[in-house]
Amino acid sequence: MTQVFETFGQQELRAALGRFATGVAVITTVADGEPVGMTVNSLCSVSLDPPMLLFCVGHRSQLHPLFAAASHFAVHVLSAQQVQVCQQFARPGRSRFGDLPWQPGQTGAPVLEDALVAWECAAERVIPAGDHDIVLASVRHLHPVRGNDPLLFFAGGFHNL
C-alpha cells in the first residue's frame, strides 16, 4: 500500500468496499397481503447451532419499514444466470415480482423457484447500525441447493466464477 487516507468520504469508502466480492441475494416477505422483495449483497452466516443469518436493509429503502417489521421472510442466493432477477428486485417500487415463478413457503414467505438455495427465516432482532438496520434471523426451513454457479458482485459489476 502506498497511500493511506486519514480522512475519506462516502465515495472513497464505497469504492474500497466494492473491492470485496459478495454473493447476491433476494429477500422476500409478504406485506399487506402482497409479496415484496429486495436485492441485497449484505448476507452473512451467523451461526450453525442454532442456524442463523443476517442481512442489512438501508433506512432510505422504500421497503425498509416492511422488512424491519416482518416476522418471516425467505432469503434466496441467486445464480450467475439471474442478473435480471437481481435487477428486477433492485428497482424502485413495491411490485417487483412480475411474472417470476414463486410459491408460498412453509412460513408464508414467497419462495422463488429458480434460486440456487433458499432459506425461510424468522426475524429474531433488528439492530440499528448507522444508515442501515441489521436483521438477525433464525433459519426455519431450507430449500435444497440447485446448480452451482453463484452471481457475484465486485467493483460495481456482476461476475461469475
N, C-alpha and C. Protein backbone atom coordinates (compact mmCIF):
# COMPACT_ATOMS: atom_id res chain seq x y z
N MET A 1 0.85 -1.18 0.00
CA MET A 1 0.00 0.00 0.00
C MET A 1 0.89 1.24 0.00
N THR A 2 0.59 2.14 -0.88
CA THR A 2 1.42 3.34 -0.98
C THR A 2 0.73 4.58 -0.44
N GLN A 3 -0.57 4.54 -0.31
CA GLN A 3 -1.31 5.72 0.14
C GLN A 3 -2.29 5.33 1.23
N VAL A 4 -2.39 6.15 2.25
CA VAL A 4 -3.33 5.92 3.34
C VAL A 4 -4.20 7.15 3.48
N PHE A 5 -5.52 6.94 3.53
CA PHE A 5 -6.45 8.04 3.72
C PHE A 5 -6.76 8.18 5.20
N GLU A 6 -6.37 9.29 5.79
CA GLU A 6 -6.75 9.54 7.18
C GLU A 6 -8.17 10.08 7.26
N THR A 7 -8.56 10.79 6.22
CA THR A 7 -9.95 11.23 6.09
C THR A 7 -10.43 10.77 4.72
N PHE A 8 -11.66 10.39 4.66
CA PHE A 8 -12.23 9.91 3.40
C PHE A 8 -13.73 10.14 3.43
N GLY A 9 -14.31 10.20 2.25
CA GLY A 9 -15.74 10.40 2.11
C GLY A 9 -16.44 9.10 1.74
N GLN A 10 -17.75 9.22 1.55
CA GLN A 10 -18.54 8.04 1.20
C GLN A 10 -18.10 7.44 -0.13
N GLN A 11 -17.70 8.27 -1.08
CA GLN A 11 -17.29 7.77 -2.39
C GLN A 11 -16.04 6.89 -2.27
N GLU A 12 -15.06 7.33 -1.50
CA GLU A 12 -13.85 6.53 -1.32
C GLU A 12 -14.14 5.24 -0.56
N LEU A 13 -14.98 5.34 0.46
CA LEU A 13 -15.33 4.15 1.23
C LEU A 13 -16.09 3.16 0.36
N ARG A 14 -17.03 3.65 -0.43
CA ARG A 14 -17.81 2.78 -1.31
C ARG A 14 -16.91 2.08 -2.32
N ALA A 15 -15.95 2.81 -2.90
CA ALA A 15 -15.01 2.21 -3.85
C ALA A 15 -14.17 1.13 -3.18
N ALA A 16 -13.72 1.40 -1.96
CA ALA A 16 -12.91 0.41 -1.23
C ALA A 16 -13.74 -0.82 -0.89
N LEU A 17 -14.96 -0.63 -0.42
CA LEU A 17 -15.83 -1.76 -0.10
C LEU A 17 -16.18 -2.57 -1.34
N GLY A 18 -16.22 -1.91 -2.49
CA GLY A 18 -16.51 -2.58 -3.75
C GLY A 18 -15.45 -3.57 -4.16
N ARG A 19 -14.29 -3.53 -3.54
CA ARG A 19 -13.22 -4.47 -3.83
C ARG A 19 -13.43 -5.80 -3.12
N PHE A 20 -14.46 -5.88 -2.28
CA PHE A 20 -14.80 -7.12 -1.59
C PHE A 20 -15.92 -7.79 -2.38
N ALA A 21 -15.63 -8.92 -3.01
CA ALA A 21 -16.63 -9.64 -3.79
C ALA A 21 -17.69 -10.23 -2.86
N THR A 22 -18.95 -10.09 -3.26
CA THR A 22 -20.04 -10.65 -2.47
C THR A 22 -20.97 -11.46 -3.35
N GLY A 23 -21.70 -12.36 -2.74
CA GLY A 23 -22.79 -13.00 -3.43
C GLY A 23 -23.96 -12.03 -3.52
N VAL A 24 -24.97 -12.41 -4.27
CA VAL A 24 -26.15 -11.57 -4.43
C VAL A 24 -27.37 -12.39 -3.99
N ALA A 25 -28.20 -11.77 -3.17
CA ALA A 25 -29.38 -12.46 -2.64
C ALA A 25 -30.62 -11.60 -2.82
N VAL A 26 -31.75 -12.25 -2.84
CA VAL A 26 -33.05 -11.57 -2.83
C VAL A 26 -33.76 -12.00 -1.56
N ILE A 27 -34.27 -11.03 -0.82
CA ILE A 27 -35.03 -11.28 0.39
C ILE A 27 -36.49 -11.00 0.07
N THR A 28 -37.40 -11.91 0.44
CA THR A 28 -38.82 -11.73 0.15
C THR A 28 -39.65 -11.89 1.42
N THR A 29 -40.78 -11.21 1.44
CA THR A 29 -41.74 -11.35 2.54
C THR A 29 -43.12 -10.99 1.99
N VAL A 30 -44.10 -11.00 2.85
CA VAL A 30 -45.46 -10.59 2.49
C VAL A 30 -45.80 -9.37 3.34
N ALA A 31 -46.31 -8.33 2.69
CA ALA A 31 -46.75 -7.12 3.39
C ALA A 31 -48.10 -6.71 2.84
N ASP A 32 -49.06 -6.52 3.71
CA ASP A 32 -50.42 -6.15 3.29
C ASP A 32 -50.97 -7.15 2.28
N GLY A 33 -50.66 -8.43 2.47
CA GLY A 33 -51.17 -9.49 1.60
C GLY A 33 -50.49 -9.61 0.26
N GLU A 34 -49.47 -8.81 -0.01
CA GLU A 34 -48.77 -8.83 -1.29
C GLU A 34 -47.31 -9.24 -1.10
N PRO A 35 -46.75 -10.01 -2.07
CA PRO A 35 -45.33 -10.34 -1.97
C PRO A 35 -44.47 -9.12 -2.27
N VAL A 36 -43.42 -8.94 -1.48
CA VAL A 36 -42.44 -7.87 -1.72
C VAL A 36 -41.05 -8.49 -1.60
N GLY A 37 -40.10 -7.87 -2.29
CA GLY A 37 -38.74 -8.39 -2.24
C GLY A 37 -37.73 -7.32 -2.58
N MET A 38 -36.49 -7.58 -2.18
CA MET A 38 -35.40 -6.65 -2.46
C MET A 38 -34.10 -7.42 -2.65
N THR A 39 -33.21 -6.83 -3.42
CA THR A 39 -31.88 -7.38 -3.64
C THR A 39 -30.95 -6.89 -2.54
N VAL A 40 -30.11 -7.79 -2.03
CA VAL A 40 -29.09 -7.42 -1.05
C VAL A 40 -27.77 -8.13 -1.38
N ASN A 41 -26.67 -7.53 -0.97
CA ASN A 41 -25.40 -8.24 -1.01
C ASN A 41 -24.76 -8.25 0.38
N SER A 42 -25.57 -7.95 1.38
CA SER A 42 -25.09 -7.90 2.76
C SER A 42 -25.54 -9.12 3.55
N LEU A 43 -25.54 -10.28 2.92
CA LEU A 43 -25.96 -11.52 3.56
C LEU A 43 -24.76 -12.17 4.25
N CYS A 44 -24.98 -12.67 5.46
CA CYS A 44 -23.88 -13.26 6.22
C CYS A 44 -24.38 -14.40 7.10
N SER A 45 -23.66 -15.50 7.10
CA SER A 45 -23.92 -16.58 8.04
C SER A 45 -23.51 -16.12 9.43
N VAL A 46 -24.33 -16.43 10.43
CA VAL A 46 -24.03 -16.03 11.81
C VAL A 46 -23.71 -17.25 12.67
N SER A 47 -24.52 -18.30 12.56
CA SER A 47 -24.37 -19.45 13.46
C SER A 47 -24.92 -20.70 12.79
N LEU A 48 -24.26 -21.84 13.05
CA LEU A 48 -24.78 -23.13 12.60
C LEU A 48 -25.67 -23.77 13.66
N ASP A 49 -25.43 -23.46 14.92
CA ASP A 49 -26.21 -24.05 16.00
C ASP A 49 -26.49 -23.00 17.07
N PRO A 50 -27.66 -22.40 17.04
CA PRO A 50 -28.77 -22.62 16.11
C PRO A 50 -28.47 -21.96 14.76
N PRO A 51 -29.12 -22.43 13.69
CA PRO A 51 -28.87 -21.84 12.38
C PRO A 51 -29.41 -20.41 12.30
N MET A 52 -28.50 -19.48 12.03
CA MET A 52 -28.87 -18.06 11.96
C MET A 52 -28.10 -17.38 10.85
N LEU A 53 -28.70 -16.31 10.32
CA LEU A 53 -28.03 -15.47 9.34
C LEU A 53 -28.45 -14.03 9.58
N LEU A 54 -27.81 -13.13 8.84
CA LEU A 54 -28.20 -11.72 8.92
C LEU A 54 -28.12 -11.09 7.54
N PHE A 55 -28.87 -10.02 7.38
CA PHE A 55 -28.76 -9.16 6.21
C PHE A 55 -29.03 -7.75 6.68
N CYS A 56 -28.67 -6.79 5.84
CA CYS A 56 -28.86 -5.38 6.19
C CYS A 56 -29.84 -4.74 5.22
N VAL A 57 -30.61 -3.79 5.74
CA VAL A 57 -31.55 -3.03 4.91
C VAL A 57 -31.35 -1.55 5.22
N GLY A 58 -31.19 -0.77 4.16
CA GLY A 58 -30.93 0.66 4.31
C GLY A 58 -32.16 1.43 4.76
N HIS A 59 -31.94 2.41 5.61
CA HIS A 59 -33.05 3.24 6.09
C HIS A 59 -33.74 3.99 4.96
N ARG A 60 -33.01 4.31 3.89
CA ARG A 60 -33.61 5.06 2.78
C ARG A 60 -34.41 4.18 1.82
N SER A 61 -34.31 2.87 1.98
CA SER A 61 -35.06 1.96 1.12
C SER A 61 -36.56 2.12 1.36
N GLN A 62 -37.31 2.16 0.27
CA GLN A 62 -38.77 2.23 0.37
C GLN A 62 -39.32 1.03 1.12
N LEU A 63 -38.62 -0.10 1.05
CA LEU A 63 -39.10 -1.32 1.69
C LEU A 63 -38.58 -1.50 3.11
N HIS A 64 -37.76 -0.58 3.59
CA HIS A 64 -37.20 -0.70 4.94
C HIS A 64 -38.26 -0.96 6.00
N PRO A 65 -39.34 -0.18 6.05
CA PRO A 65 -40.33 -0.43 7.12
C PRO A 65 -40.95 -1.82 7.03
N LEU A 66 -41.12 -2.33 5.83
CA LEU A 66 -41.74 -3.64 5.65
C LEU A 66 -40.84 -4.76 6.15
N PHE A 67 -39.54 -4.68 5.82
CA PHE A 67 -38.62 -5.73 6.25
C PHE A 67 -38.24 -5.59 7.72
N ALA A 68 -38.18 -4.37 8.23
CA ALA A 68 -37.88 -4.17 9.65
C ALA A 68 -39.01 -4.71 10.52
N ALA A 69 -40.23 -4.74 9.99
CA ALA A 69 -41.39 -5.21 10.76
C ALA A 69 -41.78 -6.66 10.44
N ALA A 70 -41.17 -7.27 9.43
CA ALA A 70 -41.57 -8.62 9.00
C ALA A 70 -41.22 -9.65 10.06
N SER A 71 -42.12 -10.60 10.26
CA SER A 71 -41.84 -11.69 11.20
C SER A 71 -41.15 -12.85 10.50
N HIS A 72 -41.43 -13.03 9.21
CA HIS A 72 -40.84 -14.13 8.43
C HIS A 72 -40.46 -13.62 7.04
N PHE A 73 -39.47 -14.23 6.47
CA PHE A 73 -39.06 -13.90 5.11
C PHE A 73 -38.26 -15.06 4.54
N ALA A 74 -38.03 -15.02 3.24
CA ALA A 74 -37.21 -16.02 2.57
C ALA A 74 -35.98 -15.32 2.01
N VAL A 75 -34.86 -16.01 2.08
CA VAL A 75 -33.58 -15.50 1.60
C VAL A 75 -33.14 -16.41 0.47
N HIS A 76 -32.85 -15.83 -0.70
CA HIS A 76 -32.51 -16.60 -1.90
C HIS A 76 -31.13 -16.19 -2.40
N VAL A 77 -30.26 -17.16 -2.64
CA VAL A 77 -28.98 -16.90 -3.28
C VAL A 77 -29.19 -17.04 -4.78
N LEU A 78 -28.79 -16.01 -5.53
CA LEU A 78 -29.02 -16.00 -6.97
C LEU A 78 -27.89 -16.68 -7.72
N SER A 79 -28.24 -17.28 -8.87
CA SER A 79 -27.25 -17.93 -9.73
C SER A 79 -26.67 -16.92 -10.71
N ALA A 80 -25.58 -17.31 -11.35
CA ALA A 80 -24.92 -16.44 -12.33
C ALA A 80 -25.85 -16.08 -13.48
N GLN A 81 -26.88 -16.88 -13.72
CA GLN A 81 -27.83 -16.61 -14.80
C GLN A 81 -28.98 -15.70 -14.36
N GLN A 82 -28.96 -15.19 -13.15
CA GLN A 82 -30.09 -14.43 -12.62
C GLN A 82 -29.80 -12.94 -12.44
N VAL A 83 -28.98 -12.37 -13.30
CA VAL A 83 -28.72 -10.92 -13.23
C VAL A 83 -30.03 -10.15 -13.37
N GLN A 84 -30.89 -10.58 -14.29
CA GLN A 84 -32.17 -9.89 -14.50
C GLN A 84 -33.03 -9.94 -13.23
N VAL A 85 -33.03 -11.06 -12.53
CA VAL A 85 -33.80 -11.17 -11.28
C VAL A 85 -33.24 -10.19 -10.25
N CYS A 86 -31.92 -10.14 -10.16
CA CYS A 86 -31.27 -9.19 -9.25
C CYS A 86 -31.71 -7.77 -9.55
N GLN A 87 -31.66 -7.39 -10.82
CA GLN A 87 -32.02 -6.03 -11.22
C GLN A 87 -33.50 -5.76 -11.00
N GLN A 88 -34.33 -6.77 -11.22
CA GLN A 88 -35.78 -6.62 -11.03
C GLN A 88 -36.11 -6.31 -9.57
N PHE A 89 -35.41 -6.95 -8.64
CA PHE A 89 -35.68 -6.73 -7.22
C PHE A 89 -34.92 -5.53 -6.66
N ALA A 90 -34.06 -4.92 -7.47
CA ALA A 90 -33.33 -3.72 -7.03
C ALA A 90 -34.01 -2.44 -7.48
N ARG A 91 -34.98 -2.54 -8.37
CA ARG A 91 -35.61 -1.33 -8.90
C ARG A 91 -36.57 -0.71 -7.87
N PRO A 92 -36.90 0.55 -8.07
CA PRO A 92 -37.83 1.22 -7.14
C PRO A 92 -39.24 0.63 -7.21
N GLY A 93 -40.00 0.87 -6.17
CA GLY A 93 -41.40 0.42 -6.14
C GLY A 93 -41.56 -0.85 -5.34
N ARG A 94 -42.79 -1.17 -5.01
CA ARG A 94 -43.08 -2.36 -4.22
C ARG A 94 -43.32 -3.59 -5.07
N SER A 95 -43.87 -3.40 -6.27
CA SER A 95 -44.25 -4.53 -7.12
C SER A 95 -43.05 -4.94 -7.97
N ARG A 96 -42.33 -5.96 -7.53
CA ARG A 96 -41.10 -6.36 -8.21
C ARG A 96 -41.14 -7.80 -8.71
N PHE A 97 -42.18 -8.54 -8.38
CA PHE A 97 -42.21 -9.95 -8.73
C PHE A 97 -42.48 -10.20 -10.20
N GLY A 98 -43.29 -9.33 -10.83
CA GLY A 98 -43.60 -9.53 -12.25
C GLY A 98 -44.13 -10.93 -12.48
N ASP A 99 -43.55 -11.62 -13.47
CA ASP A 99 -44.00 -12.98 -13.80
C ASP A 99 -43.04 -14.05 -13.29
N LEU A 100 -42.20 -13.71 -12.32
CA LEU A 100 -41.27 -14.69 -11.76
C LEU A 100 -42.04 -15.79 -11.04
N PRO A 101 -41.66 -17.05 -11.28
CA PRO A 101 -42.35 -18.15 -10.58
C PRO A 101 -41.94 -18.23 -9.11
N TRP A 102 -42.95 -18.32 -8.24
CA TRP A 102 -42.71 -18.45 -6.80
C TRP A 102 -43.88 -19.19 -6.18
N GLN A 103 -43.64 -19.70 -4.98
CA GLN A 103 -44.67 -20.39 -4.21
C GLN A 103 -44.60 -19.90 -2.77
N PRO A 104 -45.72 -19.89 -2.05
CA PRO A 104 -45.64 -19.59 -0.62
C PRO A 104 -44.87 -20.70 0.09
N GLY A 105 -43.94 -20.33 0.93
CA GLY A 105 -43.18 -21.31 1.69
C GLY A 105 -43.93 -21.76 2.94
N GLN A 106 -43.27 -22.56 3.74
CA GLN A 106 -43.85 -23.07 4.99
C GLN A 106 -44.21 -21.94 5.95
N THR A 107 -43.46 -20.84 5.90
CA THR A 107 -43.71 -19.69 6.78
C THR A 107 -44.67 -18.68 6.16
N GLY A 108 -45.04 -18.92 4.89
CA GLY A 108 -45.87 -17.97 4.17
C GLY A 108 -45.07 -17.00 3.32
N ALA A 109 -43.76 -16.95 3.53
CA ALA A 109 -42.91 -16.06 2.73
C ALA A 109 -42.81 -16.57 1.30
N PRO A 110 -42.78 -15.68 0.31
CA PRO A 110 -42.64 -16.10 -1.08
C PRO A 110 -41.27 -16.74 -1.32
N VAL A 111 -41.26 -17.94 -1.91
CA VAL A 111 -40.02 -18.64 -2.23
C VAL A 111 -39.88 -18.69 -3.75
N LEU A 112 -38.84 -18.05 -4.26
CA LEU A 112 -38.57 -18.05 -5.70
C LEU A 112 -38.15 -19.45 -6.13
N GLU A 113 -38.63 -19.89 -7.29
CA GLU A 113 -38.41 -21.26 -7.71
C GLU A 113 -37.02 -21.53 -8.26
N ASP A 114 -36.33 -20.55 -8.80
CA ASP A 114 -35.10 -20.82 -9.52
C ASP A 114 -33.82 -20.37 -8.82
N ALA A 115 -33.88 -20.06 -7.54
CA ALA A 115 -32.68 -19.63 -6.81
C ALA A 115 -31.75 -20.83 -6.58
N LEU A 116 -30.47 -20.54 -6.36
CA LEU A 116 -29.52 -21.62 -6.06
C LEU A 116 -29.89 -22.34 -4.78
N VAL A 117 -30.27 -21.57 -3.78
CA VAL A 117 -30.70 -22.11 -2.49
C VAL A 117 -31.60 -21.06 -1.85
N ALA A 118 -32.50 -21.51 -1.00
CA ALA A 118 -33.37 -20.57 -0.28
C ALA A 118 -33.53 -21.05 1.15
N TRP A 119 -33.58 -20.08 2.06
CA TRP A 119 -33.84 -20.35 3.46
C TRP A 119 -35.09 -19.56 3.85
N GLU A 120 -35.99 -20.20 4.57
CA GLU A 120 -37.09 -19.47 5.17
C GLU A 120 -36.69 -19.16 6.61
N CYS A 121 -36.89 -17.91 6.99
CA CYS A 121 -36.37 -17.43 8.27
C CYS A 121 -37.44 -16.73 9.10
N ALA A 122 -37.19 -16.70 10.40
CA ALA A 122 -37.99 -15.91 11.33
C ALA A 122 -37.10 -14.80 11.87
N ALA A 123 -37.63 -13.59 11.88
CA ALA A 123 -36.87 -12.46 12.40
C ALA A 123 -36.66 -12.64 13.90
N GLU A 124 -35.45 -12.43 14.35
CA GLU A 124 -35.12 -12.52 15.78
C GLU A 124 -34.90 -11.15 16.39
N ARG A 125 -34.21 -10.28 15.65
CA ARG A 125 -33.90 -8.96 16.18
C ARG A 125 -33.52 -8.03 15.03
N VAL A 126 -33.89 -6.77 15.17
CA VAL A 126 -33.47 -5.72 14.24
C VAL A 126 -32.57 -4.78 15.02
N ILE A 127 -31.34 -4.61 14.54
CA ILE A 127 -30.33 -3.84 15.26
C ILE A 127 -29.97 -2.60 14.45
N PRO A 128 -30.23 -1.40 14.96
CA PRO A 128 -29.83 -0.19 14.24
C PRO A 128 -28.31 -0.13 14.10
N ALA A 129 -27.84 0.24 12.91
CA ALA A 129 -26.40 0.35 12.65
C ALA A 129 -26.16 1.42 11.60
N GLY A 130 -25.92 2.64 12.03
CA GLY A 130 -25.68 3.73 11.10
C GLY A 130 -26.90 3.98 10.23
N ASP A 131 -26.70 4.00 8.91
CA ASP A 131 -27.80 4.27 7.99
C ASP A 131 -28.52 2.99 7.53
N HIS A 132 -28.25 1.88 8.19
CA HIS A 132 -28.89 0.60 7.90
C HIS A 132 -29.41 -0.01 9.20
N ASP A 133 -30.23 -1.04 9.05
CA ASP A 133 -30.59 -1.92 10.15
C ASP A 133 -30.04 -3.30 9.82
N ILE A 134 -29.53 -3.98 10.83
CA ILE A 134 -29.10 -5.37 10.69
C ILE A 134 -30.29 -6.23 11.12
N VAL A 135 -30.73 -7.11 10.24
CA VAL A 135 -31.83 -8.02 10.56
C VAL A 135 -31.22 -9.38 10.87
N LEU A 136 -31.32 -9.80 12.11
CA LEU A 136 -30.81 -11.08 12.58
C LEU A 136 -31.96 -12.07 12.54
N ALA A 137 -31.72 -13.24 11.94
CA ALA A 137 -32.82 -14.18 11.70
C ALA A 137 -32.41 -15.61 11.99
N SER A 138 -33.38 -16.40 12.42
CA SER A 138 -33.17 -17.84 12.59
C SER A 138 -33.72 -18.56 11.36
N VAL A 139 -32.96 -19.54 10.89
CA VAL A 139 -33.36 -20.32 9.71
C VAL A 139 -34.33 -21.40 10.17
N ARG A 140 -35.52 -21.42 9.56
CA ARG A 140 -36.55 -22.39 9.92
C ARG A 140 -36.69 -23.51 8.90
N HIS A 141 -36.48 -23.20 7.62
CA HIS A 141 -36.62 -24.20 6.56
C HIS A 141 -35.55 -23.96 5.51
N LEU A 142 -35.03 -25.05 4.96
CA LEU A 142 -34.01 -25.00 3.92
C LEU A 142 -34.57 -25.59 2.64
N HIS A 143 -34.47 -24.84 1.56
CA HIS A 143 -34.86 -25.35 0.24
C HIS A 143 -33.57 -25.76 -0.46
N PRO A 144 -33.50 -26.98 -0.98
CA PRO A 144 -32.24 -27.56 -1.44
C PRO A 144 -31.49 -26.73 -2.46
N VAL A 145 -30.19 -26.98 -2.48
CA VAL A 145 -29.29 -26.33 -3.42
C VAL A 145 -29.56 -26.85 -4.83
N ARG A 146 -29.63 -25.93 -5.79
CA ARG A 146 -29.81 -26.27 -7.20
C ARG A 146 -28.73 -25.55 -7.99
N GLY A 147 -27.98 -26.27 -8.80
CA GLY A 147 -26.94 -25.62 -9.59
C GLY A 147 -25.71 -25.35 -8.74
N ASN A 148 -24.74 -24.63 -9.33
CA ASN A 148 -23.52 -24.40 -8.55
C ASN A 148 -22.79 -23.10 -8.85
N ASP A 149 -23.26 -22.27 -9.75
CA ASP A 149 -22.55 -21.04 -10.08
C ASP A 149 -23.30 -19.83 -9.54
N PRO A 150 -22.77 -19.20 -8.48
CA PRO A 150 -23.46 -18.05 -7.89
C PRO A 150 -23.22 -16.77 -8.68
N LEU A 151 -24.13 -15.83 -8.54
CA LEU A 151 -23.95 -14.48 -9.06
C LEU A 151 -23.10 -13.73 -8.06
N LEU A 152 -22.06 -13.06 -8.55
CA LEU A 152 -21.17 -12.28 -7.69
C LEU A 152 -21.23 -10.82 -8.07
N PHE A 153 -21.01 -9.95 -7.08
CA PHE A 153 -20.94 -8.51 -7.30
C PHE A 153 -19.57 -8.05 -6.85
N PHE A 154 -18.84 -7.37 -7.75
CA PHE A 154 -17.49 -6.92 -7.46
C PHE A 154 -17.19 -5.67 -8.26
N ALA A 155 -16.66 -4.65 -7.59
CA ALA A 155 -16.22 -3.41 -8.24
C ALA A 155 -17.32 -2.80 -9.10
N GLY A 156 -18.55 -2.85 -8.59
CA GLY A 156 -19.66 -2.20 -9.28
C GLY A 156 -20.27 -2.98 -10.41
N GLY A 157 -19.89 -4.26 -10.58
CA GLY A 157 -20.44 -5.05 -11.69
C GLY A 157 -20.69 -6.49 -11.28
N PHE A 158 -21.42 -7.20 -12.14
CA PHE A 158 -21.75 -8.60 -11.90
C PHE A 158 -20.69 -9.49 -12.52
N HIS A 159 -20.40 -10.60 -11.82
CA HIS A 159 -19.40 -11.55 -12.27
C HIS A 159 -19.87 -12.95 -11.90
N ASN A 160 -19.18 -13.95 -12.46
CA ASN A 160 -19.41 -15.33 -12.03
C ASN A 160 -18.07 -16.02 -11.88
N LEU A 161 -18.10 -17.22 -11.34
CA LEU A 161 -16.86 -17.97 -11.12
C LEU A 161 -16.30 -18.50 -12.42
